[in-house]
Amino acid sequence: MLFGAEFALPAGQSNDPGFEFWRVLDRGLDNARETYDVIIIDTPPSLSYVTINALLAADGLIVPLPPSALDFASSSQFWELFSDLTNQLLRNRGQDKNFEFIDVLLSRVEASDTASTVVRQWILEAYGDKVLPIEIPKTSATATASAEFGTVYDLPRGSINAKTFDRARDAYDRMCELVEQQVRAVWALQLTEMGA
């Protein structure tokens, strides 16, 4: 269905000039927002029609970024394209898009890779305080979980080396804590603005 959406969304725009292909998911989530406090959408790392919909429906972003030169260059190009796109789709129509937070999460980090140390510094200089103070290590635990279409939380404890498992699990636990802190900060701000 998601693959089909890549064709249906632009077709809808060509058939009806008033159709806003970039707002379909945002409008579709209206009922879910009444039921759920947090909705997490995981998109592929590309600027597709589905990803555009997810970005414009989101209140906050967490962008995983491996410390490699190619990934760093791709992320810079992605943000430039997204900025151009929001100018075309929103600002030219008198609309705007703001995010409560945008976080960059260093992922698939190899501690012994000296090249990644250099790129990590580039990332810190480019994204500054948007870089979360945690890194997701590249481990066999993550690779095993991904191969089974799961996460480190789905792996049974004895399935891989305990030290590797704990290192991966600790990083993901810290990341979840940071995300929860971001969400709570947004809620607190919303309550303050409501005068509660």
N, C-alpha and C. Protein backbone atom coordinates (compact mmCIF):
# COMPACT_ATOMS: atom_id res chain seq x y z
N MET A 1 0.82 -1.20 0.00
CA MET A 1 0.00 0.00 0.00
C MET A 1 0.86 1.26 0.00
N LEU A 2 1.95 1.24 0.78
CA LEU A 2 2.83 2.42 0.81
C LEU A 2 3.49 2.63 -0.54
N PHE A 3 3.88 1.53 -1.19
CA PHE A 3 4.47 1.65 -2.51
C PHE A 3 3.46 2.25 -3.48
N GLY A 4 2.21 1.81 -3.40
CA GLY A 4 1.16 2.35 -4.25
C GLY A 4 0.91 3.83 -3.99
N ALA A 5 1.11 4.25 -2.74
CA ALA A 5 0.90 5.67 -2.40
C ALA A 5 1.88 6.57 -3.15
N GLU A 6 3.06 6.04 -3.47
CA GLU A 6 4.04 6.84 -4.21
C GLU A 6 3.52 7.22 -5.59
N PHE A 7 2.56 6.45 -6.11
CA PHE A 7 1.96 6.75 -7.41
C PHE A 7 0.62 7.46 -7.25
N ALA A 8 -0.13 7.07 -6.23
CA ALA A 8 -1.47 7.65 -6.04
C ALA A 8 -1.41 9.12 -5.62
N LEU A 9 -0.46 9.49 -4.80
CA LEU A 9 -0.39 10.87 -4.31
C LEU A 9 -0.13 11.88 -5.43
N PRO A 10 0.88 11.67 -6.28
CA PRO A 10 1.05 12.65 -7.37
C PRO A 10 -0.09 12.58 -8.38
N ALA A 11 -0.67 11.39 -8.57
CA ALA A 11 -1.79 11.29 -9.51
C ALA A 11 -2.97 12.10 -8.99
N GLY A 12 -3.20 12.06 -7.69
CA GLY A 12 -4.28 12.86 -7.09
C GLY A 12 -4.06 14.34 -7.32
N GLN A 13 -2.81 14.77 -7.24
CA GLN A 13 -2.47 16.18 -7.45
C GLN A 13 -2.72 16.58 -8.91
N SER A 14 -2.36 15.67 -9.86
CA SER A 14 -2.58 16.03 -11.27
C SER A 14 -4.06 16.04 -11.63
N ASN A 15 -4.84 15.18 -10.98
CA ASN A 15 -6.28 15.11 -11.30
C ASN A 15 -7.07 16.24 -10.67
N ASP A 16 -6.58 16.76 -9.53
CA ASP A 16 -7.31 17.81 -8.82
C ASP A 16 -6.30 18.82 -8.29
N PRO A 17 -6.17 19.97 -8.94
CA PRO A 17 -5.17 20.97 -8.50
C PRO A 17 -5.36 21.44 -7.06
N GLY A 18 -6.54 21.28 -6.49
CA GLY A 18 -6.78 21.67 -5.09
C GLY A 18 -6.35 20.60 -4.10
N PHE A 19 -6.04 19.41 -4.59
CA PHE A 19 -5.60 18.29 -3.74
C PHE A 19 -4.19 18.58 -3.23
N GLU A 20 -3.99 18.48 -1.93
CA GLU A 20 -2.68 18.71 -1.34
C GLU A 20 -2.07 17.36 -0.95
N PHE A 21 -1.28 16.81 -1.86
CA PHE A 21 -0.73 15.47 -1.64
C PHE A 21 0.10 15.39 -0.37
N TRP A 22 0.69 16.49 0.05
CA TRP A 22 1.57 16.51 1.21
C TRP A 22 0.81 16.54 2.54
N ARG A 23 -0.51 16.68 2.52
CA ARG A 23 -1.31 16.78 3.75
C ARG A 23 -2.15 15.54 4.02
N VAL A 24 -2.05 14.51 3.17
CA VAL A 24 -2.91 13.33 3.28
C VAL A 24 -2.70 12.62 4.62
N LEU A 25 -1.46 12.34 4.98
CA LEU A 25 -1.20 11.65 6.25
C LEU A 25 -1.56 12.52 7.44
N ASP A 26 -1.23 13.80 7.38
CA ASP A 26 -1.55 14.73 8.46
C ASP A 26 -3.06 14.71 8.76
N ARG A 27 -3.85 14.80 7.72
CA ARG A 27 -5.31 14.76 7.90
C ARG A 27 -5.78 13.38 8.33
N GLY A 28 -5.13 12.35 7.79
CA GLY A 28 -5.51 10.99 8.15
C GLY A 28 -5.23 10.64 9.60
N LEU A 29 -4.30 11.34 10.23
CA LEU A 29 -3.96 11.07 11.63
C LEU A 29 -4.85 11.83 12.62
N ASP A 30 -5.73 12.68 12.15
CA ASP A 30 -6.55 13.48 13.06
C ASP A 30 -7.29 12.63 14.09
N ASN A 31 -7.93 11.53 13.66
CA ASN A 31 -8.64 10.67 14.61
C ASN A 31 -7.68 9.97 15.56
N ALA A 32 -6.54 9.53 15.05
CA ALA A 32 -5.56 8.84 15.90
C ALA A 32 -5.01 9.78 16.97
N ARG A 33 -4.87 11.06 16.63
CA ARG A 33 -4.36 12.03 17.60
C ARG A 33 -5.29 12.19 18.80
N GLU A 34 -6.57 11.94 18.60
CA GLU A 34 -7.52 12.01 19.71
C GLU A 34 -7.38 10.82 20.64
N THR A 35 -6.83 9.73 20.14
CA THR A 35 -6.72 8.49 20.91
C THR A 35 -5.34 8.30 21.53
N TYR A 36 -4.30 8.70 20.79
CA TYR A 36 -2.92 8.42 21.22
C TYR A 36 -2.18 9.70 21.59
N ASP A 37 -1.34 9.59 22.62
CA ASP A 37 -0.51 10.72 23.04
C ASP A 37 0.70 10.89 22.13
N VAL A 38 1.22 9.78 21.65
CA VAL A 38 2.42 9.81 20.81
C VAL A 38 2.20 8.84 19.64
N ILE A 39 2.50 9.31 18.46
CA ILE A 39 2.44 8.48 17.25
C ILE A 39 3.83 8.52 16.63
N ILE A 40 4.42 7.36 16.44
CA ILE A 40 5.76 7.28 15.87
C ILE A 40 5.66 6.75 14.45
N ILE A 41 6.27 7.47 13.54
CA ILE A 41 6.28 7.07 12.13
C ILE A 41 7.74 6.90 11.72
N ASP A 42 8.06 5.74 11.20
CA ASP A 42 9.42 5.45 10.75
C ASP A 42 9.41 5.46 9.22
N THR A 43 10.21 6.31 8.64
CA THR A 43 10.22 6.43 7.18
C THR A 43 11.56 6.00 6.62
N PRO A 44 11.58 5.69 5.32
CA PRO A 44 12.88 5.43 4.70
C PRO A 44 13.67 6.72 4.56
N PRO A 45 14.98 6.62 4.44
CA PRO A 45 15.80 7.84 4.34
C PRO A 45 15.81 8.41 2.92
N SER A 46 14.64 8.80 2.44
CA SER A 46 14.54 9.38 1.11
C SER A 46 13.43 10.42 1.12
N LEU A 47 13.48 11.32 0.18
CA LEU A 47 12.47 12.37 0.12
C LEU A 47 11.36 11.93 -0.85
N SER A 48 10.67 10.86 -0.48
CA SER A 48 9.58 10.33 -1.29
C SER A 48 8.28 11.03 -0.91
N TYR A 49 7.20 10.74 -1.63
CA TYR A 49 5.90 11.33 -1.31
C TYR A 49 5.43 10.91 0.08
N VAL A 50 5.67 9.65 0.44
CA VAL A 50 5.26 9.16 1.76
C VAL A 50 6.09 9.84 2.86
N THR A 51 7.39 9.98 2.63
CA THR A 51 8.24 10.64 3.63
C THR A 51 7.86 12.11 3.77
N ILE A 52 7.57 12.78 2.67
CA ILE A 52 7.12 14.18 2.73
C ILE A 52 5.87 14.28 3.58
N ASN A 53 4.93 13.36 3.38
CA ASN A 53 3.71 13.35 4.19
C ASN A 53 4.03 13.16 5.67
N ALA A 54 4.94 12.24 5.97
CA ALA A 54 5.30 11.98 7.36
C ALA A 54 5.97 13.20 7.99
N LEU A 55 6.88 13.84 7.26
CA LEU A 55 7.56 15.02 7.79
C LEU A 55 6.58 16.16 8.06
N LEU A 56 5.63 16.35 7.16
CA LEU A 56 4.70 17.45 7.34
C LEU A 56 3.60 17.13 8.35
N ALA A 57 3.43 15.86 8.69
CA ALA A 57 2.48 15.48 9.73
C ALA A 57 3.12 15.48 11.11
N ALA A 58 4.45 15.48 11.14
CA ALA A 58 5.19 15.33 12.41
C ALA A 58 5.27 16.64 13.19
N ASP A 59 5.34 16.48 14.51
CA ASP A 59 5.59 17.60 15.41
C ASP A 59 7.06 17.64 15.82
N GLY A 60 7.70 16.50 15.74
CA GLY A 60 9.11 16.40 16.10
C GLY A 60 9.79 15.36 15.24
N LEU A 61 11.10 15.50 15.08
CA LEU A 61 11.85 14.58 14.24
C LEU A 61 13.06 14.05 14.98
N ILE A 62 13.34 12.78 14.77
CA ILE A 62 14.60 12.18 15.22
C ILE A 62 15.22 11.60 13.96
N VAL A 63 16.38 12.12 13.60
CA VAL A 63 17.04 11.75 12.35
C VAL A 63 18.26 10.91 12.68
N PRO A 64 18.20 9.59 12.42
CA PRO A 64 19.40 8.77 12.62
C PRO A 64 20.44 9.12 11.56
N LEU A 65 21.68 9.28 11.98
CA LEU A 65 22.73 9.66 11.05
C LEU A 65 24.02 8.93 11.39
N PRO A 66 24.39 7.94 10.56
CA PRO A 66 25.68 7.28 10.78
C PRO A 66 26.82 8.25 10.51
N PRO A 67 27.91 8.17 11.27
CA PRO A 67 29.03 9.09 11.06
C PRO A 67 29.91 8.64 9.89
N SER A 68 29.36 8.72 8.70
CA SER A 68 30.14 8.43 7.49
C SER A 68 30.00 9.64 6.57
N ALA A 69 31.01 9.87 5.77
CA ALA A 69 31.02 11.06 4.90
C ALA A 69 29.84 11.05 3.95
N LEU A 70 29.51 9.90 3.37
CA LEU A 70 28.40 9.81 2.43
C LEU A 70 27.07 10.11 3.11
N ASP A 71 26.86 9.54 4.29
CA ASP A 71 25.61 9.80 5.03
C ASP A 71 25.50 11.26 5.44
N PHE A 72 26.62 11.84 5.86
CA PHE A 72 26.61 13.25 6.24
C PHE A 72 26.26 14.13 5.05
N ALA A 73 26.89 13.86 3.91
CA ALA A 73 26.60 14.64 2.70
C ALA A 73 25.13 14.45 2.29
N SER A 74 24.64 13.23 2.39
CA SER A 74 23.24 12.96 2.03
C SER A 74 22.28 13.71 2.96
N SER A 75 22.62 13.77 4.24
CA SER A 75 21.74 14.47 5.19
C SER A 75 21.68 15.96 4.87
N SER A 76 22.83 16.53 4.52
CA SER A 76 22.86 17.95 4.17
C SER A 76 22.01 18.22 2.93
N GLN A 77 22.14 17.35 1.94
CA GLN A 77 21.36 17.50 0.72
C GLN A 77 19.87 17.31 1.00
N PHE A 78 19.55 16.35 1.87
CA PHE A 78 18.16 16.10 2.25
C PHE A 78 17.52 17.35 2.83
N TRP A 79 18.21 18.01 3.78
CA TRP A 79 17.64 19.20 4.42
C TRP A 79 17.50 20.35 3.44
N GLU A 80 18.43 20.46 2.51
CA GLU A 80 18.33 21.51 1.49
C GLU A 80 17.11 21.26 0.60
N LEU A 81 16.93 20.01 0.17
CA LEU A 81 15.77 19.67 -0.66
C LEU A 81 14.47 19.86 0.11
N PHE A 82 14.47 19.46 1.39
CA PHE A 82 13.25 19.61 2.19
C PHE A 82 12.90 21.07 2.38
N SER A 83 13.91 21.90 2.57
CA SER A 83 13.67 23.34 2.71
C SER A 83 13.07 23.91 1.42
N ASP A 84 13.66 23.55 0.28
CA ASP A 84 13.12 24.01 -1.00
C ASP A 84 11.68 23.54 -1.19
N LEU A 85 11.43 22.30 -0.80
CA LEU A 85 10.10 21.72 -0.96
C LEU A 85 9.08 22.43 -0.08
N THR A 86 9.43 22.70 1.18
CA THR A 86 8.47 23.40 2.04
C THR A 86 8.22 24.81 1.54
N ASN A 87 9.23 25.43 0.94
CA ASN A 87 9.00 26.75 0.33
C ASN A 87 7.96 26.65 -0.77
N GLN A 88 8.08 25.64 -1.61
CA GLN A 88 7.15 25.48 -2.72
C GLN A 88 5.75 25.08 -2.26
N LEU A 89 5.68 24.13 -1.32
CA LEU A 89 4.39 23.59 -0.92
C LEU A 89 3.66 24.43 0.11
N LEU A 90 4.39 25.05 1.01
CA LEU A 90 3.75 25.74 2.13
C LEU A 90 3.91 27.25 2.08
N ARG A 91 5.12 27.72 2.14
CA ARG A 91 5.36 29.16 2.28
C ARG A 91 4.78 29.96 1.12
N ASN A 92 4.83 29.41 -0.09
CA ASN A 92 4.24 30.10 -1.23
C ASN A 92 2.72 30.16 -1.15
N ARG A 93 2.14 29.35 -0.24
CA ARG A 93 0.69 29.36 -0.01
C ARG A 93 0.34 30.06 1.30
N GLY A 94 1.32 30.76 1.89
CA GLY A 94 1.08 31.49 3.13
C GLY A 94 1.05 30.59 4.36
N GLN A 95 1.56 29.37 4.26
CA GLN A 95 1.57 28.44 5.39
C GLN A 95 3.01 28.28 5.87
N ASP A 96 3.17 27.62 7.00
CA ASP A 96 4.50 27.38 7.53
C ASP A 96 4.52 26.03 8.23
N LYS A 97 5.69 25.50 8.47
CA LYS A 97 5.84 24.23 9.19
C LYS A 97 6.90 24.43 10.25
N ASN A 98 6.53 24.16 11.49
CA ASN A 98 7.46 24.24 12.61
C ASN A 98 7.47 22.90 13.32
N PHE A 99 8.62 22.54 13.84
CA PHE A 99 8.75 21.31 14.61
C PHE A 99 9.04 21.68 16.06
N GLU A 100 8.48 20.91 16.97
CA GLU A 100 8.76 21.12 18.40
C GLU A 100 10.22 20.78 18.70
N PHE A 101 10.74 19.79 18.01
CA PHE A 101 12.15 19.44 18.15
C PHE A 101 12.61 18.71 16.89
N ILE A 102 13.89 18.88 16.60
CA ILE A 102 14.57 18.11 15.57
C ILE A 102 15.86 17.62 16.21
N ASP A 103 15.98 16.30 16.33
CA ASP A 103 17.15 15.71 16.95
C ASP A 103 17.91 14.88 15.92
N VAL A 104 19.22 14.91 16.01
CA VAL A 104 20.08 14.07 15.18
C VAL A 104 20.67 13.01 16.10
N LEU A 105 20.47 11.77 15.72
CA LEU A 105 20.93 10.63 16.52
C LEU A 105 22.06 9.92 15.78
N LEU A 106 23.25 9.98 16.33
CA LEU A 106 24.36 9.25 15.72
C LEU A 106 24.09 7.75 15.86
N SER A 107 24.07 7.06 14.72
CA SER A 107 23.72 5.64 14.73
C SER A 107 24.76 4.83 13.97
N ARG A 108 24.76 3.54 14.23
CA ARG A 108 25.73 2.63 13.61
C ARG A 108 27.15 3.14 13.79
N VAL A 109 27.45 3.55 15.00
CA VAL A 109 28.76 4.13 15.32
C VAL A 109 29.73 3.01 15.69
N GLU A 110 30.86 2.99 15.00
CA GLU A 110 31.93 2.04 15.31
C GLU A 110 33.00 2.79 16.09
N ALA A 111 33.18 2.40 17.34
CA ALA A 111 34.11 3.12 18.23
C ALA A 111 35.54 3.12 17.71
N SER A 112 35.94 2.06 17.02
CA SER A 112 37.34 1.95 16.59
C SER A 112 37.61 2.59 15.23
N ASP A 113 36.61 3.11 14.57
CA ASP A 113 36.76 3.68 13.23
C ASP A 113 37.20 5.14 13.34
N THR A 114 38.46 5.44 12.96
CA THR A 114 38.97 6.80 13.08
C THR A 114 38.31 7.75 12.08
N ALA A 115 37.91 7.24 10.91
CA ALA A 115 37.22 8.10 9.94
C ALA A 115 35.90 8.60 10.50
N SER A 116 35.21 7.75 11.24
CA SER A 116 33.93 8.18 11.81
C SER A 116 34.13 9.25 12.88
N THR A 117 35.28 9.28 13.52
CA THR A 117 35.58 10.32 14.50
C THR A 117 35.62 11.69 13.83
N VAL A 118 36.22 11.75 12.65
CA VAL A 118 36.30 13.01 11.91
C VAL A 118 34.89 13.45 11.47
N VAL A 119 34.12 12.50 10.92
CA VAL A 119 32.77 12.83 10.45
C VAL A 119 31.87 13.19 11.63
N ARG A 120 32.06 12.54 12.75
CA ARG A 120 31.29 12.87 13.95
C ARG A 120 31.49 14.35 14.31
N GLN A 121 32.73 14.82 14.17
CA GLN A 121 33.01 16.23 14.44
C GLN A 121 32.31 17.13 13.44
N TRP A 122 32.28 16.74 12.16
CA TRP A 122 31.54 17.51 11.15
C TRP A 122 30.07 17.60 11.53
N ILE A 123 29.52 16.48 11.96
CA ILE A 123 28.10 16.43 12.33
C ILE A 123 27.83 17.37 13.51
N LEU A 124 28.71 17.32 14.51
CA LEU A 124 28.54 18.19 15.68
C LEU A 124 28.64 19.66 15.29
N GLU A 125 29.54 19.99 14.38
CA GLU A 125 29.68 21.38 13.94
C GLU A 125 28.48 21.82 13.11
N ALA A 126 27.95 20.91 12.29
CA ALA A 126 26.83 21.27 11.40
C ALA A 126 25.50 21.35 12.16
N TYR A 127 25.27 20.40 13.07
CA TYR A 127 23.95 20.30 13.71
C TYR A 127 23.94 20.80 15.15
N GLY A 128 25.10 21.06 15.72
CA GLY A 128 25.19 21.66 17.04
C GLY A 128 24.39 20.94 18.12
N ASP A 129 23.55 21.71 18.83
CA ASP A 129 22.82 21.14 19.96
C ASP A 129 21.67 20.24 19.55
N LYS A 130 21.46 20.07 18.27
CA LYS A 130 20.44 19.13 17.79
C LYS A 130 20.92 17.68 17.89
N VAL A 131 22.24 17.48 18.04
CA VAL A 131 22.80 16.14 18.14
C VAL A 131 22.55 15.62 19.56
N LEU A 132 21.86 14.49 19.64
CA LEU A 132 21.57 13.90 20.95
C LEU A 132 22.86 13.44 21.63
N PRO A 133 22.92 13.52 22.95
CA PRO A 133 24.15 13.15 23.67
C PRO A 133 24.27 11.63 23.87
N ILE A 134 23.95 10.90 22.84
CA ILE A 134 24.05 9.43 22.88
C ILE A 134 24.36 8.95 21.49
N GLU A 135 25.03 7.81 21.41
CA GLU A 135 25.32 7.21 20.12
C GLU A 135 24.83 5.77 20.14
N ILE A 136 24.23 5.36 19.04
CA ILE A 136 23.80 3.97 18.90
C ILE A 136 24.95 3.20 18.26
N PRO A 137 25.53 2.25 18.99
CA PRO A 137 26.69 1.54 18.44
C PRO A 137 26.30 0.55 17.36
N LYS A 138 27.23 0.31 16.45
CA LYS A 138 27.04 -0.73 15.45
C LYS A 138 27.42 -2.04 16.13
N THR A 139 26.45 -2.90 16.34
CA THR A 139 26.70 -4.16 17.04
C THR A 139 26.03 -5.32 16.31
N SER A 140 26.47 -6.51 16.65
CA SER A 140 25.83 -7.70 16.08
C SER A 140 24.40 -7.84 16.61
N ALA A 141 24.12 -7.26 17.77
CA ALA A 141 22.76 -7.33 18.32
C ALA A 141 21.78 -6.59 17.41
N THR A 142 22.17 -5.41 16.97
CA THR A 142 21.32 -4.63 16.08
C THR A 142 21.17 -5.32 14.73
N ALA A 143 22.28 -5.85 14.21
CA ALA A 143 22.23 -6.54 12.92
C ALA A 143 21.35 -7.78 12.99
N THR A 144 21.45 -8.54 14.07
CA THR A 144 20.64 -9.75 14.24
C THR A 144 19.17 -9.38 14.34
N ALA A 145 18.87 -8.37 15.13
CA ALA A 145 17.47 -7.94 15.29
C ALA A 145 16.89 -7.45 13.97
N SER A 146 17.67 -6.66 13.22
CA SER A 146 17.19 -6.15 11.93
C SER A 146 16.93 -7.28 10.95
N ALA A 147 17.80 -8.28 10.94
CA ALA A 147 17.64 -9.42 10.04
C ALA A 147 16.34 -10.17 10.33
N GLU A 148 15.89 -10.09 11.58
CA GLU A 148 14.65 -10.77 11.97
C GLU A 148 13.46 -9.80 12.01
N PHE A 149 13.64 -8.62 11.38
CA PHE A 149 12.60 -7.58 11.33
C PHE A 149 12.12 -7.20 12.73
N GLY A 150 13.08 -7.07 13.64
CA GLY A 150 12.75 -6.70 15.00
C GLY A 150 13.73 -5.66 15.53
N THR A 151 13.74 -5.51 16.82
CA THR A 151 14.64 -4.58 17.49
C THR A 151 15.43 -5.34 18.55
N VAL A 152 16.37 -4.66 19.19
CA VAL A 152 17.13 -5.33 20.26
C VAL A 152 16.21 -5.75 21.40
N TYR A 153 15.06 -5.12 21.51
CA TYR A 153 14.11 -5.48 22.57
C TYR A 153 13.41 -6.81 22.27
N ASP A 154 13.45 -7.24 21.03
CA ASP A 154 12.81 -8.50 20.65
C ASP A 154 13.73 -9.70 20.80
N LEU A 155 15.04 -9.45 20.95
CA LEU A 155 15.99 -10.55 21.03
C LEU A 155 15.95 -11.21 22.40
N PRO A 156 15.96 -12.53 22.44
CA PRO A 156 16.09 -13.20 23.74
C PRO A 156 17.49 -12.97 24.30
N ARG A 157 17.60 -12.86 25.59
CA ARG A 157 18.85 -12.45 26.23
C ARG A 157 20.03 -13.37 25.89
N GLY A 158 19.86 -14.62 25.73
CA GLY A 158 20.99 -15.52 25.48
C GLY A 158 21.32 -15.69 24.01
N SER A 159 20.66 -14.97 23.13
CA SER A 159 20.86 -15.19 21.69
C SER A 159 22.19 -14.65 21.16
N ILE A 160 22.79 -13.70 21.85
CA ILE A 160 24.09 -13.16 21.44
C ILE A 160 24.92 -12.88 22.69
N ASN A 161 26.15 -12.49 22.48
CA ASN A 161 27.06 -12.18 23.58
C ASN A 161 26.41 -11.18 24.53
N ALA A 162 26.44 -11.47 25.83
CA ALA A 162 25.77 -10.64 26.83
C ALA A 162 26.31 -9.21 26.84
N LYS A 163 27.62 -9.04 26.70
CA LYS A 163 28.20 -7.70 26.73
C LYS A 163 27.72 -6.87 25.52
N THR A 164 27.68 -7.51 24.36
CA THR A 164 27.20 -6.84 23.14
C THR A 164 25.73 -6.48 23.28
N PHE A 165 24.95 -7.43 23.80
CA PHE A 165 23.52 -7.20 24.00
C PHE A 165 23.29 -6.02 24.94
N ASP A 166 24.01 -6.01 26.07
CA ASP A 166 23.84 -4.94 27.06
C ASP A 166 24.24 -3.58 26.50
N ARG A 167 25.33 -3.55 25.72
CA ARG A 167 25.79 -2.28 25.14
C ARG A 167 24.72 -1.71 24.19
N ALA A 168 24.17 -2.57 23.35
CA ALA A 168 23.13 -2.11 22.42
C ALA A 168 21.87 -1.71 23.18
N ARG A 169 21.46 -2.54 24.10
CA ARG A 169 20.23 -2.28 24.85
C ARG A 169 20.34 -1.00 25.68
N ASP A 170 21.48 -0.78 26.30
CA ASP A 170 21.68 0.45 27.10
C ASP A 170 21.57 1.70 26.22
N ALA A 171 22.15 1.64 25.03
CA ALA A 171 22.08 2.80 24.12
C ALA A 171 20.64 3.08 23.72
N TYR A 172 19.90 2.04 23.38
CA TYR A 172 18.50 2.24 22.99
C TYR A 172 17.65 2.70 24.17
N ASP A 173 17.92 2.18 25.36
CA ASP A 173 17.20 2.64 26.56
C ASP A 173 17.42 4.13 26.78
N ARG A 174 18.68 4.58 26.67
CA ARG A 174 18.98 6.01 26.84
C ARG A 174 18.30 6.86 25.79
N MET A 175 18.29 6.36 24.53
CA MET A 175 17.63 7.09 23.46
C MET A 175 16.14 7.24 23.77
N CYS A 176 15.51 6.16 24.22
CA CYS A 176 14.08 6.22 24.56
C CYS A 176 13.82 7.21 25.69
N GLU A 177 14.72 7.25 26.67
CA GLU A 177 14.58 8.22 27.76
C GLU A 177 14.66 9.65 27.23
N LEU A 178 15.60 9.91 26.32
CA LEU A 178 15.74 11.25 25.75
C LEU A 178 14.51 11.65 24.93
N VAL A 179 13.98 10.71 24.18
CA VAL A 179 12.77 10.98 23.39
C VAL A 179 11.60 11.28 24.33
N GLU A 180 11.49 10.48 25.38
CA GLU A 180 10.41 10.72 26.35
C GLU A 180 10.56 12.10 27.00
N GLN A 181 11.79 12.50 27.30
CA GLN A 181 12.01 13.84 27.86
C GLN A 181 11.57 14.92 26.88
N GLN A 182 11.87 14.73 25.59
CA GLN A 182 11.45 15.69 24.57
C GLN A 182 9.92 15.80 24.53
N VAL A 183 9.26 14.66 24.53
CA VAL A 183 7.80 14.65 24.46
C VAL A 183 7.21 15.32 25.70
N ARG A 184 7.74 15.00 26.87
CA ARG A 184 7.24 15.62 28.10
C ARG A 184 7.47 17.13 28.10
N ALA A 185 8.59 17.57 27.56
CA ALA A 185 8.87 19.01 27.48
C ALA A 185 7.84 19.70 26.57
N VAL A 186 7.49 19.06 25.46
CA VAL A 186 6.48 19.61 24.56
C VAL A 186 5.13 19.70 25.27
N TRP A 187 4.76 18.63 25.97
CA TRP A 187 3.49 18.64 26.71
C TRP A 187 3.47 19.75 27.76
N ALA A 188 4.59 19.89 28.49
CA ALA A 188 4.65 20.93 29.52
C ALA A 188 4.48 22.31 28.91
N LEU A 189 5.10 22.54 27.77
CA LEU A 189 4.97 23.82 27.08
C LEU A 189 3.53 24.04 26.63
N GLN A 190 2.89 23.00 26.11
CA GLN A 190 1.50 23.11 25.68
C GLN A 190 0.58 23.44 26.86
N LEU A 191 0.84 22.80 28.00
CA LEU A 191 0.02 23.10 29.19
C LEU A 191 0.22 24.55 29.64
N THR A 192 1.46 25.02 29.60
CA THR A 192 1.76 26.38 29.98
C THR A 192 1.03 27.37 29.06
N GLU A 193 1.07 27.06 27.74
CA GLU A 193 0.40 27.95 26.78
C GLU A 193 -1.11 27.94 26.95
N MET A 194 -1.65 26.82 27.44
CA MET A 194 -3.11 26.73 27.68
C MET A 194 -3.50 27.39 28.99
N GLY A 195 -2.48 27.72 29.80
CA GLY A 195 -2.76 28.36 31.09
C GLY A 195 -3.14 27.36 32.18
N ALA A 196 -2.80 26.10 31.96
CA ALA A 196 -3.16 25.06 32.96
C ALA A 196 -2.11 24.96 34.03
